[in-house]
Amino acid sequence: MESIAVEHRSGPRRHFPQEVMAIAGNDHRLCRMHNIGDGGALLEVSWGRLTHDVEVEIILDLPVNNILTPHHLFGKVARVTPVGTAVQFTIINSEAQKALQTYLTERMN
């Protein structure tokens, strides 16, 4: 019997209308991100390499002083559904964390 991972969100997710680069191992794909939160994201990608527990790097542009700046977020695949691939963030450097929090806060207002 397969265990089902329960998703634990620490905050709301926000729509993210941008393509991002997803990297797993030596492979990479440009894909759409459905939404993002401080703990993870949902990618609109049907890529067989992205299966449960696979480590993934996501490169996305977040505004820093009103300039879109690339940031690298690291995580692992939490689940794969017909709607998309959920990635739980495991490593976010302080610069990327600050940019993400600013983006999420601005989107709430």
PDB file of N, CA and C in Angstrom:
ATOM      1  N   MET A   1       0.843  -1.184   0.000  1.00  0.00           N
ATOM      2  CA  MET A   1       0.000   0.000   0.000  1.00  0.00           C
ATOM      3  C   MET A   1       0.886   1.245   0.000  1.00  0.00           C
ATOM      4  N   GLU A   2       0.605   2.191  -0.880  1.00  0.00           N
ATOM      5  CA  GLU A   2       1.391   3.412  -0.991  1.00  0.00           C
ATOM      6  C   GLU A   2       0.912   4.425   0.040  1.00  0.00           C
ATOM      7  N   SER A   3       1.871   5.058   0.723  1.00  0.00           N
ATOM      8  CA  SER A   3       1.493   6.082   1.695  1.00  0.00           C
ATOM      9  C   SER A   3       1.203   7.384   0.955  1.00  0.00           C
ATOM     10  N   ILE A   4       0.328   8.167   1.499  1.00  0.00           N
ATOM     11  CA  ILE A   4      -0.060   9.431   0.894  1.00  0.00           C
ATOM     12  C   ILE A   4       0.530  10.556   1.729  1.00  0.00           C
ATOM     13  N   ALA A   5       1.289  11.420   1.091  1.00  0.00           N
ATOM     14  CA  ALA A   5       1.881  12.553   1.788  1.00  0.00           C
ATOM     15  C   ALA A   5       0.827  13.628   1.989  1.00  0.00           C
ATOM     16  N   VAL A   6       0.738  14.138   3.198  1.00  0.00           N
ATOM     17  CA  VAL A   6      -0.192  15.203   3.507  1.00  0.00           C
ATOM     18  C   VAL A   6       0.542  16.522   3.322  1.00  0.00           C
ATOM     19  N   GLU A   7      -0.090  17.424   2.626  1.00  0.00           N
ATOM     20  CA  GLU A   7       0.534  18.711   2.361  1.00  0.00           C
ATOM     21  C   GLU A   7       0.301  19.636   3.542  1.00  0.00           C
ATOM     22  N   HIS A   8       1.384  20.251   4.005  1.00  0.00           N
ATOM     23  CA  HIS A   8       1.307  21.193   5.124  1.00  0.00           C
ATOM     24  C   HIS A   8       1.782  22.553   4.630  1.00  0.00           C
ATOM     25  N   ARG A   9       0.867  23.462   4.447  1.00  0.00           N
ATOM     26  CA  ARG A   9       1.221  24.801   3.992  1.00  0.00           C
ATOM     27  C   ARG A   9       1.324  25.727   5.185  1.00  0.00           C
ATOM     28  N   SER A  10       2.385  26.545   5.189  1.00  0.00           N
ATOM     29  CA  SER A  10       2.534  27.516   6.267  1.00  0.00           C
ATOM     30  C   SER A  10       1.880  28.843   5.904  1.00  0.00           C
ATOM     31  N   GLY A  11       1.498  29.010   4.644  1.00  0.00           N
ATOM     32  CA  GLY A  11       0.859  30.239   4.216  1.00  0.00           C
ATOM     33  C   GLY A  11       0.147  30.011   2.899  1.00  0.00           C
ATOM     34  N   PRO A  12      -0.563  31.019   2.431  1.00  0.00           N
ATOM     35  CA  PRO A  12      -1.309  30.873   1.178  1.00  0.00           C
ATOM     36  C   PRO A  12      -0.390  30.838  -0.029  1.00  0.00           C
ATOM     37  N   ARG A  13      -0.889  30.285  -1.108  1.00  0.00           N
ATOM     38  CA  ARG A  13      -0.160  30.298  -2.378  1.00  0.00           C
ATOM     39  C   ARG A  13      -0.773  31.373  -3.261  1.00  0.00           C
ATOM     40  N   ARG A  14       0.069  31.940  -4.112  1.00  0.00           N
ATOM     41  CA  ARG A  14      -0.364  33.002  -5.023  1.00  0.00           C
ATOM     42  C   ARG A  14      -0.095  32.590  -6.465  1.00  0.00           C
ATOM     43  N   HIS A  15      -0.970  33.024  -7.350  1.00  0.00           N
ATOM     44  CA  HIS A  15      -0.794  32.787  -8.779  1.00  0.00           C
ATOM     45  C   HIS A  15       0.553  33.367  -9.213  1.00  0.00           C
ATOM     46  N   PHE A  16       1.261  32.666 -10.079  1.00  0.00           N
ATOM     47  CA  PHE A  16       2.576  33.111 -10.546  1.00  0.00           C
ATOM     48  C   PHE A  16       2.590  33.016 -12.070  1.00  0.00           C
ATOM     49  N   PRO A  17       2.247  34.105 -12.766  1.00  0.00           N
ATOM     50  CA  PRO A  17       2.090  34.067 -14.228  1.00  0.00           C
ATOM     51  C   PRO A  17       3.417  34.191 -14.974  1.00  0.00           C
ATOM     52  N   GLN A  18       4.270  33.188 -14.825  1.00  0.00           N
ATOM     53  CA  GLN A  18       5.591  33.262 -15.418  1.00  0.00           C
ATOM     54  C   GLN A  18       6.102  31.855 -15.704  1.00  0.00           C
ATOM     55  N   GLU A  19       6.885  31.710 -16.758  1.00  0.00           N
ATOM     56  CA  GLU A  19       7.554  30.438 -16.989  1.00  0.00           C
ATOM     57  C   GLU A  19       8.810  30.392 -16.142  1.00  0.00           C
ATOM     58  N   VAL A  20       9.150  29.197 -15.677  1.00  0.00           N
ATOM     59  CA  VAL A  20      10.335  28.999 -14.852  1.00  0.00           C
ATOM     60  C   VAL A  20      11.138  27.835 -15.430  1.00  0.00           C
ATOM     61  N   MET A  21      12.383  27.742 -15.033  1.00  0.00           N
ATOM     62  CA  MET A  21      13.218  26.622 -15.428  1.00  0.00           C
ATOM     63  C   MET A  21      13.225  25.621 -14.277  1.00  0.00           C
ATOM     64  N   ALA A  22      12.899  24.377 -14.585  1.00  0.00           N
ATOM     65  CA  ALA A  22      12.950  23.299 -13.594  1.00  0.00           C
ATOM     66  C   ALA A  22      14.118  22.397 -13.972  1.00  0.00           C
ATOM     67  N   ILE A  23      14.973  22.107 -12.993  1.00  0.00           N
ATOM     68  CA  ILE A  23      16.159  21.287 -13.235  1.00  0.00           C
ATOM     69  C   ILE A  23      16.130  20.098 -12.289  1.00  0.00           C
ATOM     70  N   ALA A  24      16.295  18.910 -12.847  1.00  0.00           N
ATOM     71  CA  ALA A  24      16.382  17.672 -12.065  1.00  0.00           C
ATOM     72  C   ALA A  24      17.573  16.892 -12.608  1.00  0.00           C
ATOM     73  N   GLY A  25      18.593  16.737 -11.788  1.00  0.00           N
ATOM     74  CA  GLY A  25      19.813  16.090 -12.274  1.00  0.00           C
ATOM     75  C   GLY A  25      20.442  16.952 -13.344  1.00  0.00           C
ATOM     76  N   ASN A  26      20.790  16.356 -14.472  1.00  0.00           N
ATOM     77  CA  ASN A  26      21.382  17.098 -15.586  1.00  0.00           C
ATOM     78  C   ASN A  26      20.347  17.538 -16.609  1.00  0.00           C
ATOM     79  N   ASP A  27      19.062  17.252 -16.353  1.00  0.00           N
ATOM     80  CA  ASP A  27      17.990  17.598 -17.286  1.00  0.00           C
ATOM     81  C   ASP A  27      17.291  18.874 -16.831  1.00  0.00           C
ATOM     82  N   HIS A  28      16.766  19.604 -17.779  1.00  0.00           N
ATOM     83  CA  HIS A  28      16.030  20.816 -17.452  1.00  0.00           C
ATOM     84  C   HIS A  28      14.873  21.006 -18.430  1.00  0.00           C
ATOM     85  N   ARG A  29      13.850  21.707 -17.946  1.00  0.00           N
ATOM     86  CA  ARG A  29      12.658  21.995 -18.759  1.00  0.00           C
ATOM     87  C   ARG A  29      12.136  23.383 -18.390  1.00  0.00           C
ATOM     88  N   LEU A  30      11.696  24.104 -19.398  1.00  0.00           N
ATOM     89  CA  LEU A  30      10.979  25.344 -19.185  1.00  0.00           C
ATOM     90  C   LEU A  30       9.520  24.972 -18.966  1.00  0.00           C
ATOM     91  N   CYS A  31       8.915  25.489 -17.906  1.00  0.00           N
ATOM     92  CA  CYS A  31       7.524  25.129 -17.619  1.00  0.00           C
ATOM     93  C   CYS A  31       6.802  26.300 -16.968  1.00  0.00           C
ATOM     94  N   ARG A  32       5.494  26.185 -16.944  1.00  0.00           N
ATOM     95  CA  ARG A  32       4.658  27.188 -16.280  1.00  0.00           C
ATOM     96  C   ARG A  32       4.535  26.846 -14.810  1.00  0.00           C
ATOM     97  N   MET A  33       4.538  27.881 -13.991  1.00  0.00           N
ATOM     98  CA  MET A  33       4.285  27.695 -12.574  1.00  0.00           C
ATOM     99  C   MET A  33       2.852  28.137 -12.322  1.00  0.00           C
ATOM    100  N   HIS A  34       2.055  27.268 -11.740  1.00  0.00           N
ATOM    101  CA  HIS A  34       0.654  27.588 -11.461  1.00  0.00           C
ATOM    102  C   HIS A  34       0.553  28.546 -10.280  1.00  0.00           C
ATOM    103  N   ASN A  35       1.206  28.182  -9.171  1.00  0.00           N
ATOM    104  CA  ASN A  35       1.177  29.042  -7.991  1.00  0.00           C
ATOM    105  C   ASN A  35       2.425  28.827  -7.151  1.00  0.00           C
ATOM    106  N   ILE A  36       2.632  29.748  -6.210  1.00  0.00           N
ATOM    107  CA  ILE A  36       3.817  29.691  -5.348  1.00  0.00           C
ATOM    108  C   ILE A  36       3.453  30.213  -3.962  1.00  0.00           C
ATOM    109  N   GLY A  37       4.105  29.678  -2.955  1.00  0.00           N
ATOM    110  CA  GLY A  37       3.968  30.134  -1.580  1.00  0.00           C
ATOM    111  C   GLY A  37       5.333  30.102  -0.936  1.00  0.00           C
ATOM    112  N   ASP A  38       5.406  30.444   0.332  1.00  0.00           N
ATOM    113  CA  ASP A  38       6.717  30.475   0.977  1.00  0.00           C
ATOM    114  C   ASP A  38       7.301  29.079   1.202  1.00  0.00           C
ATOM    115  N   GLY A  39       6.487  28.039   1.110  1.00  0.00           N
ATOM    116  CA  GLY A  39       6.990  26.688   1.340  1.00  0.00           C
ATOM    117  C   GLY A  39       7.024  25.787   0.126  1.00  0.00           C
ATOM    118  N   GLY A  40       6.477  26.268  -1.006  1.00  0.00           N
ATOM    119  CA  GLY A  40       6.467  25.402  -2.172  1.00  0.00           C
ATOM    120  C   GLY A  40       5.753  26.018  -3.354  1.00  0.00           C
ATOM    121  N   ALA A  41       5.642  25.222  -4.416  1.00  0.00           N
ATOM    122  CA  ALA A  41       5.032  25.706  -5.651  1.00  0.00           C
ATOM    123  C   ALA A  41       4.382  24.546  -6.390  1.00  0.00           C
ATOM    124  N   LEU A  42       3.476  24.887  -7.289  1.00  0.00           N
ATOM    125  CA  LEU A  42       2.839  23.899  -8.144  1.00  0.00           C
ATOM    126  C   LEU A  42       3.221  24.218  -9.584  1.00  0.00           C
ATOM    127  N   LEU A  43       3.924  23.264 -10.217  1.00  0.00           N
ATOM    128  CA  LEU A  43       4.378  23.434 -11.591  1.00  0.00           C
ATOM    129  C   LEU A  43       3.414  22.746 -12.543  1.00  0.00           C
ATOM    130  N   GLU A  44       3.141  23.401 -13.661  1.00  0.00           N
ATOM    131  CA  GLU A  44       2.333  22.793 -14.718  1.00  0.00           C
ATOM    132  C   GLU A  44       3.301  22.118 -15.675  1.00  0.00           C
ATOM    133  N   VAL A  45       3.707  20.908 -15.334  1.00  0.00           N
ATOM    134  CA  VAL A  45       4.679  20.201 -16.156  1.00  0.00           C
ATOM    135  C   VAL A  45       4.362  18.714 -16.132  1.00  0.00           C
ATOM    136  N   SER A  46       4.409  18.102 -17.298  1.00  0.00           N
ATOM    137  CA  SER A  46       4.243  16.650 -17.349  1.00  0.00           C
ATOM    138  C   SER A  46       5.582  16.087 -17.808  1.00  0.00           C
ATOM    139  N   TRP A  47       6.462  15.926 -16.867  1.00  0.00           N
ATOM    140  CA  TRP A  47       7.822  15.501 -17.132  1.00  0.00           C
ATOM    141  C   TRP A  47       8.085  14.280 -16.286  1.00  0.00           C
ATOM    142  N   GLY A  48       8.233  13.140 -16.918  1.00  0.00           N
ATOM    143  CA  GLY A  48       8.370  11.876 -16.205  1.00  0.00           C
ATOM    144  C   GLY A  48       9.491  11.844 -15.202  1.00  0.00           C
ATOM    145  N   ARG A  49      10.500  12.677 -15.387  1.00  0.00           N
ATOM    146  CA  ARG A  49      11.632  12.721 -14.454  1.00  0.00           C
ATOM    147  C   ARG A  49      11.222  13.266 -13.085  1.00  0.00           C
ATOM    148  N   LEU A  50      10.198  14.111 -13.050  1.00  0.00           N
ATOM    149  CA  LEU A  50       9.765  14.708 -11.787  1.00  0.00           C
ATOM    150  C   LEU A  50       8.759  13.796 -11.091  1.00  0.00           C
ATOM    151  N   THR A  51       9.284  12.864 -10.325  1.00  0.00           N
ATOM    152  CA  THR A  51       8.457  11.944  -9.556  1.00  0.00           C
ATOM    153  C   THR A  51       8.675  12.198  -8.075  1.00  0.00           C
ATOM    154  N   HIS A  52       7.884  11.587  -7.244  1.00  0.00           N
ATOM    155  CA  HIS A  52       7.907  11.817  -5.799  1.00  0.00           C
ATOM    156  C   HIS A  52       9.323  11.721  -5.231  1.00  0.00           C
ATOM    157  N   ASP A  53       9.687  12.695  -4.404  1.00  0.00           N
ATOM    158  CA  ASP A  53      10.968  12.803  -3.698  1.00  0.00           C
ATOM    159  C   ASP A  53      12.167  13.158  -4.569  1.00  0.00           C
ATOM    160  N   VAL A  54      11.979  13.413  -5.853  1.00  0.00           N
ATOM    161  CA  VAL A  54      13.087  13.829  -6.705  1.00  0.00           C
ATOM    162  C   VAL A  54      13.469  15.270  -6.339  1.00  0.00           C
ATOM    163  N   GLU A  55      14.766  15.515  -6.206  1.00  0.00           N
ATOM    164  CA  GLU A  55      15.240  16.867  -5.924  1.00  0.00           C
ATOM    165  C   GLU A  55      15.159  17.702  -7.190  1.00  0.00           C
ATOM    166  N   VAL A  56      14.726  18.940  -7.029  1.00  0.00           N
ATOM    167  CA  VAL A  56      14.531  19.826  -8.169  1.00  0.00           C
ATOM    168  C   VAL A  56      15.007  21.232  -7.812  1.00  0.00           C
ATOM    169  N   GLU A  57      15.564  21.888  -8.798  1.00  0.00           N
ATOM    170  CA  GLU A  57      15.955  23.294  -8.668  1.00  0.00           C
ATOM    171  C   GLU A  57      15.026  24.081  -9.579  1.00  0.00           C
ATOM    172  N   ILE A  58      14.503  25.174  -9.069  1.00  0.00           N
ATOM    173  CA  ILE A  58      13.628  26.031  -9.862  1.00  0.00           C
ATOM    174  C   ILE A  58      14.292  27.397  -9.971  1.00  0.00           C
ATOM    175  N   ILE A  59      14.437  27.862 -11.201  1.00  0.00           N
ATOM    176  CA  ILE A  59      14.988  29.196 -11.421  1.00  0.00           C
ATOM    177  C   ILE A  59      13.842  30.079 -11.892  1.00  0.00           C
ATOM    178  N   LEU A  60      13.586  31.146 -11.136  1.00  0.00           N
ATOM    179  CA  LEU A  60      12.498  32.051 -11.472  1.00  0.00           C
ATOM    180  C   LEU A  60      12.926  33.478 -11.232  1.00  0.00           C
ATOM    181  N   ASP A  61      12.251  34.400 -11.896  1.00  0.00           N
ATOM    182  CA  ASP A  61      12.531  35.823 -11.734  1.00  0.00           C
ATOM    183  C   ASP A  61      11.580  36.416 -10.707  1.00  0.00           C
ATOM    184  N   LEU A  62      12.180  37.072  -9.708  1.00  0.00           N
ATOM    185  CA  LEU A  62      11.411  37.793  -8.700  1.00  0.00           C
ATOM    186  C   LEU A  62      11.913  39.230  -8.670  1.00  0.00           C
ATOM    187  N   PRO A  63      11.017  40.188  -8.426  1.00  0.00           N
ATOM    188  CA  PRO A  63      11.453  41.589  -8.420  1.00  0.00           C
ATOM    189  C   PRO A  63      12.315  41.916  -7.202  1.00  0.00           C
ATOM    190  N   VAL A  64      13.433  42.578  -7.463  1.00  0.00           N
ATOM    191  CA  VAL A  64      14.291  43.138  -6.423  1.00  0.00           C
ATOM    192  C   VAL A  64      14.509  44.592  -6.809  1.00  0.00           C
ATOM    193  N   ASN A  65      14.019  45.507  -5.977  1.00  0.00           N
ATOM    194  CA  ASN A  65      14.069  46.943  -6.299  1.00  0.00           C
ATOM    195  C   ASN A  65      13.466  47.217  -7.679  1.00  0.00           C
ATOM    196  N   ASN A  66      12.332  46.589  -7.942  1.00  0.00           N
ATOM    197  CA  ASN A  66      11.572  46.743  -9.188  1.00  0.00           C
ATOM    198  C   ASN A  66      12.291  46.218 -10.428  1.00  0.00           C
ATOM    199  N   ILE A  67      13.313  45.392 -10.241  1.00  0.00           N
ATOM    200  CA  ILE A  67      14.025  44.771 -11.355  1.00  0.00           C
ATOM    201  C   ILE A  67      13.887  43.257 -11.216  1.00  0.00           C
ATOM    202  N   LEU A  68      13.373  42.580 -12.265  1.00  0.00           N
ATOM    203  CA  LEU A  68      13.259  41.127 -12.212  1.00  0.00           C
ATOM    204  C   LEU A  68      14.653  40.510 -12.155  1.00  0.00           C
ATOM    205  N   THR A  69      14.866  39.696 -11.127  1.00  0.00           N
ATOM    206  CA  THR A  69      16.173  39.114 -10.856  1.00  0.00           C
ATOM    207  C   THR A  69      16.021  37.603 -10.720  1.00  0.00           C
ATOM    208  N   PRO A  70      16.881  36.815 -11.394  1.00  0.00           N
ATOM    209  CA  PRO A  70      16.767  35.359 -11.272  1.00  0.00           C
ATOM    210  C   PRO A  70      17.158  34.862  -9.881  1.00  0.00           C
ATOM    211  N   HIS A  71      16.372  33.926  -9.367  1.00  0.00           N
ATOM    212  CA  HIS A  71      16.624  33.297  -8.063  1.00  0.00           C
ATOM    213  C   HIS A  71      16.529  31.790  -8.221  1.00  0.00           C
ATOM    214  N   HIS A  72      17.328  31.085  -7.435  1.00  0.00           N
ATOM    215  CA  HIS A  72      17.345  29.628  -7.458  1.00  0.00           C
ATOM    216  C   HIS A  72      16.719  29.114  -6.164  1.00  0.00           C
ATOM    217  N   LEU A  73      15.641  28.334  -6.301  1.00  0.00           N
ATOM    218  CA  LEU A  73      14.967  27.721  -5.162  1.00  0.00           C
ATOM    219  C   LEU A  73      15.119  26.214  -5.299  1.00  0.00           C
ATOM    220  N   PHE A  74      15.452  25.551  -4.227  1.00  0.00           N
ATOM    221  CA  PHE A  74      15.680  24.116  -4.258  1.00  0.00           C
ATOM    222  C   PHE A  74      14.599  23.412  -3.451  1.00  0.00           C
ATOM    223  N   GLY A  75      14.177  22.255  -3.936  1.00  0.00           N
ATOM    224  CA  GLY A  75      13.138  21.521  -3.236  1.00  0.00           C
ATOM    225  C   GLY A  75      13.102  20.079  -3.681  1.00  0.00           C
ATOM    226  N   LYS A  76      12.019  19.414  -3.287  1.00  0.00           N
ATOM    227  CA  LYS A  76      11.795  18.041  -3.724  1.00  0.00           C
ATOM    228  C   LYS A  76      10.338  17.900  -4.098  1.00  0.00           C
ATOM    229  N   VAL A  77      10.082  16.981  -5.006  1.00  0.00           N
ATOM    230  CA  VAL A  77       8.713  16.755  -5.456  1.00  0.00           C
ATOM    231  C   VAL A  77       7.920  16.122  -4.319  1.00  0.00           C
ATOM    232  N   ALA A  78       6.850  16.797  -3.913  1.00  0.00           N
ATOM    233  CA  ALA A  78       6.004  16.307  -2.829  1.00  0.00           C
ATOM    234  C   ALA A  78       4.908  15.388  -3.362  1.00  0.00           C
ATOM    235  N   ARG A  79       4.373  15.726  -4.552  1.00  0.00           N
ATOM    236  CA  ARG A  79       3.343  14.884  -5.159  1.00  0.00           C
ATOM    237  C   ARG A  79       3.167  15.269  -6.615  1.00  0.00           C
ATOM    238  N   VAL A  80       2.638  14.323  -7.377  1.00  0.00           N
ATOM    239  CA  VAL A  80       2.360  14.541  -8.796  1.00  0.00           C
ATOM    240  C   VAL A  80       0.887  14.215  -9.015  1.00  0.00           C
ATOM    241  N   THR A  81       0.150  15.153  -9.595  1.00  0.00           N
ATOM    242  CA  THR A  81      -1.271  14.969  -9.865  1.00  0.00           C
ATOM    243  C   THR A  81      -1.541  15.347 -11.313  1.00  0.00           C
ATOM    244  N   PRO A  82      -2.720  15.072 -11.821  1.00  0.00           N
ATOM    245  CA  PRO A  82      -3.056  15.508 -13.184  1.00  0.00           C
ATOM    246  C   PRO A  82      -3.021  17.031 -13.337  1.00  0.00           C
ATOM    247  N   VAL A  83      -3.181  17.758 -12.236  1.00  0.00           N
ATOM    248  CA  VAL A  83      -3.180  19.219 -12.268  1.00  0.00           C
ATOM    249  C   VAL A  83      -1.760  19.777 -12.344  1.00  0.00           C
ATOM    250  N   GLY A  84      -0.804  19.085 -11.732  1.00  0.00           N
ATOM    251  CA  GLY A  84       0.564  19.580 -11.748  1.00  0.00           C
ATOM    252  C   GLY A  84       1.457  18.839 -10.776  1.00  0.00           C
ATOM    253  N   THR A  85       2.683  19.312 -10.689  1.00  0.00           N
ATOM    254  CA  THR A  85       3.699  18.724  -9.826  1.00  0.00           C
ATOM    255  C   THR A  85       3.968  19.674  -8.672  1.00  0.00           C
ATOM    256  N   ALA A  86       3.706  19.216  -7.440  1.00  0.00           N
ATOM    257  CA  ALA A  86       3.918  20.037  -6.252  1.00  0.00           C
ATOM    258  C   ALA A  86       5.346  19.857  -5.758  1.00  0.00           C
ATOM    259  N   VAL A  87       6.030  20.978  -5.580  1.00  0.00           N
ATOM    260  CA  VAL A  87       7.400  20.977  -5.093  1.00  0.00           C
ATOM    261  C   VAL A  87       7.428  21.650  -3.729  1.00  0.00           C
ATOM    262  N   GLN A  88       8.011  20.967  -2.763  1.00  0.00           N
ATOM    263  CA  GLN A  88       8.192  21.527  -1.422  1.00  0.00           C
ATOM    264  C   GLN A  88       9.609  22.080  -1.354  1.00  0.00           C
ATOM    265  N   PHE A  89       9.749  23.366  -1.016  1.00  0.00           N
ATOM    266  CA  PHE A  89      11.070  23.974  -0.951  1.00  0.00           C
ATOM    267  C   PHE A  89      11.855  23.422   0.238  1.00  0.00           C
ATOM    268  N   THR A  90      13.138  23.163   0.001  1.00  0.00           N
ATOM    269  CA  THR A  90      14.019  22.684   1.069  1.00  0.00           C
ATOM    270  C   THR A  90      15.134  23.672   1.353  1.00  0.00           C
ATOM    271  N   ILE A  91      15.606  24.388   0.314  1.00  0.00           N
ATOM    272  CA  ILE A  91      16.674  25.371   0.492  1.00  0.00           C
ATOM    273  C   ILE A  91      16.332  26.619  -0.305  1.00  0.00           C
ATOM    274  N   ILE A  92      16.271  27.739   0.410  1.00  0.00           N
ATOM    275  CA  ILE A  92      16.091  29.044  -0.224  1.00  0.00           C
ATOM    276  C   ILE A  92      17.067  29.985   0.461  1.00  0.00           C
ATOM    277  N   ASN A  93      17.974  30.579  -0.311  1.00  0.00           N
ATOM    278  CA  ASN A  93      18.915  31.500   0.333  1.00  0.00           C
ATOM    279  C   ASN A  93      18.181  32.747   0.803  1.00  0.00           C
ATOM    280  N   SER A  94      18.821  33.521   1.656  1.00  0.00           N
ATOM    281  CA  SER A  94      18.153  34.655   2.289  1.00  0.00           C
ATOM    282  C   SER A  94      17.706  35.713   1.285  1.00  0.00           C
ATOM    283  N   GLU A  95      18.477  35.933   0.231  1.00  0.00           N
ATOM    284  CA  GLU A  95      18.102  36.905  -0.792  1.00  0.00           C
ATOM    285  C   GLU A  95      16.830  36.473  -1.525  1.00  0.00           C
ATOM    286  N   ALA A  96      16.779  35.195  -1.906  1.00  0.00           N
ATOM    287  CA  ALA A  96      15.600  34.665  -2.585  1.00  0.00           C
ATOM    288  C   ALA A  96      14.397  34.652  -1.654  1.00  0.00           C
ATOM    289  N   GLN A  97      14.615  34.316  -0.382  1.00  0.00           N
ATOM    290  CA  GLN A  97      13.526  34.300   0.602  1.00  0.00           C
ATOM    291  C   GLN A  97      12.921  35.690   0.760  1.00  0.00           C
ATOM    292  N   LYS A  98      13.775  36.695   0.840  1.00  0.00           N
ATOM    293  CA  LYS A  98      13.295  38.074   0.983  1.00  0.00           C
ATOM    294  C   LYS A  98      12.501  38.492  -0.257  1.00  0.00           C
ATOM    295  N   ALA A  99      13.025  38.183  -1.449  1.00  0.00           N
ATOM    296  CA  ALA A  99      12.326  38.531  -2.693  1.00  0.00           C
ATOM    297  C   ALA A  99      10.980  37.815  -2.784  1.00  0.00           C
ATOM    298  N   LEU A 100      10.946  36.540  -2.385  1.00  0.00           N
ATOM    299  CA  LEU A 100       9.703  35.770  -2.419  1.00  0.00           C
ATOM    300  C   LEU A 100       8.685  36.346  -1.440  1.00  0.00           C
ATOM    301  N   GLN A 101       9.111  36.662  -0.232  1.00  0.00           N
ATOM    302  CA  GLN A 101       8.202  37.235   0.764  1.00  0.00           C
ATOM    303  C   GLN A 101       7.641  38.570   0.291  1.00  0.00           C
ATOM    304  N   THR A 102       8.491  39.388  -0.323  1.00  0.00           N
ATOM    305  CA  THR A 102       8.042  40.676  -0.857  1.00  0.00           C
ATOM    306  C   THR A 102       7.006  40.451  -1.958  1.00  0.00           C
ATOM    307  N   TYR A 103       7.281  39.506  -2.851  1.00  0.00           N
ATOM    308  CA  TYR A 103       6.343  39.196  -3.932  1.00  0.00           C
ATOM    309  C   TYR A 103       5.007  38.724  -3.369  1.00  0.00           C
ATOM    310  N   LEU A 104       5.048  37.815  -2.402  1.00  0.00           N
ATOM    311  CA  LEU A 104       3.810  37.292  -1.819  1.00  0.00           C
ATOM    312  C   LEU A 104       3.037  38.371  -1.080  1.00  0.00           C
ATOM    313  N   THR A 105       3.729  39.223  -0.363  1.00  0.00           N
ATOM    314  CA  THR A 105       3.074  40.303   0.383  1.00  0.00           C
ATOM    315  C   THR A 105       2.424  41.305  -0.558  1.00  0.00           C
ATOM    316  N   GLU A 106       3.137  41.670  -1.624  1.00  0.00           N
ATOM    317  CA  GLU A 106       2.581  42.619  -2.584  1.00  0.00           C
ATOM    318  C   GLU A 106       1.368  42.048  -3.286  1.00  0.00           C
ATOM    319  N   ARG A 107       1.369  40.747  -3.539  1.00  0.00           N
ATOM    320  CA  ARG A 107       0.247  40.096  -4.215  1.00  0.00           C
ATOM    321  C   ARG A 107      -0.991  40.036  -3.324  1.00  0.00           C
ATOM    322  N   MET A 108      -0.780  40.059  -2.006  1.00  0.00           N
ATOM    323  CA  MET A 108      -1.920  39.988  -1.082  1.00  0.00           C
ATOM    324  C   MET A 108      -2.648  41.320  -1.003  1.00  0.00           C
ATOM    325  N   ASN A 109      -1.945  42.408  -1.272  1.00  0.00           N
ATOM    326  CA  ASN A 109      -2.542  43.741  -1.143  1.00  0.00           C
ATOM    327  C   ASN A 109      -3.186  44.214  -2.427  1.00  0.00           C
TER     328      ASN A 109
END
